[in-house]
Amino acid sequence: MHTKVDSILSSAEALRYPYESHPGHDQVVELAPGVLWARLKLPFRLNHVNIYLLADGDGWAMIDSGFGNEESIAAWTTLFEGPLQGVRISRLIVTHSHPDHVGLAGWVTERFNCPLYMSQVEYLQSVYHQNRGTEERRNAQRKFFLRHGMDENLAEQLLSRGQDYLKRVSILPPSYRRISHGEEIVIGERRFKVITGGGHALDQVMLYCADDKLFLSADQVLSKISPNVSVWAVEPEQNSLGEYLFSLASLTTTLPYDVMVLPGHGVPFYGLKTRIKQLADHHEERCRLIAEACREVPQTSKDLVPVVFHKHTLDPHQMGFAAGELIAHVNYMLVEGRLTAREEGGVLQFRTT
């Protein structure tokens, strides 16, 4: 178990990364007394997820569980036979329903006979993901992609390989304990305020300990990349980007600048408010690109994907996220009155107002 003491004072202006490297596959890093950091591999471009353990009496509360595959189980086995030998997991707190966070919830809770804590919406969303593979659901998703200008071939790719990661979840426990925005939970000797926010997920859980200035931001505020903010067929007119930007603005006004942020991906950092501004500016730049592309000639969402994601070569997995995120920006701009929409031949086209 490795320990590093941070001696760098944070400032409101600067982003600071006190940990120069991340834990190896057989390592755990102590970030503060009673706060451990592990990292598990993921089988796609975003190649890792962070897991945090918080001292909880004679056990440890685990924050997120990792992807639901055999490689993640093997990684946990290595840790529990190595630096975490003898550790008892007292409870599992899952921040949101994406498989890299909830994927092994069933495995963890069964192995340690511990309760699962989630927000109600995220638990029910996880159950939905586990039962979304019906033909009726697939047809709804296909129509959604076609309406946004994707052709039949691309739609089929997105429905197969592009959506496969949603299946990587162990069977969830049949019951859970609900945590809600604004409540406080005690973990060991620390008291955490529960903060939830939309955009990346519907009701993602974040935890803030004011006494120790610790903020577990899940995927809402990441250290060096922008979390995916998408719209999907189940709620085709959702303003997920508007929800996300609202959440960021709320965090700016409610949290101090000098918290240590423990994100779901990347590395711990200081400079929360600076990072939030970078994320908001990033999405505004994408909106600017969309507005410019739609100024003279109406465009479909498919037309606009390469406008926004011109630096990337997208496989079906990444194309699914890119399309969902592009539609999120379009929906936000429609709500804001920056775009208008018309439907022609069953396909939506957008033009700058």
Foldseek 3Di string as FASTA:
>chain_A
DAEDDAPDFFDQADKFFRDPDADDLLDWYDDDVQKIWDWAADDDPLGIWIWIWGAFPQATEIEFQAWQDPRSVVSVVSNCVHVVPPHAHAEYEFFAQQRGGQACQVVNCVVRVHAYEYAPVRVVVNVCLCVQPDPVNLVLQLLLVVQLPDDNVLSVLCSPPQSVSSNRHDDHDPDHHHDDAQDWDDGHPFIWGWHFFFFLHRTGTWTATPVQLAIAPEQLFDRPDHRQGFAGSVHLLDLSVVRSLVSLVVCLVPGDQAGFYRYGGDGIIGNSNNSSVVNVVLLVVLLVQVQVVQAPPWDGLVRSLCSNPVVDDDDSNRVSSSSGRSSSSVSNCVVVQQWDWDGDPSYITIHGD
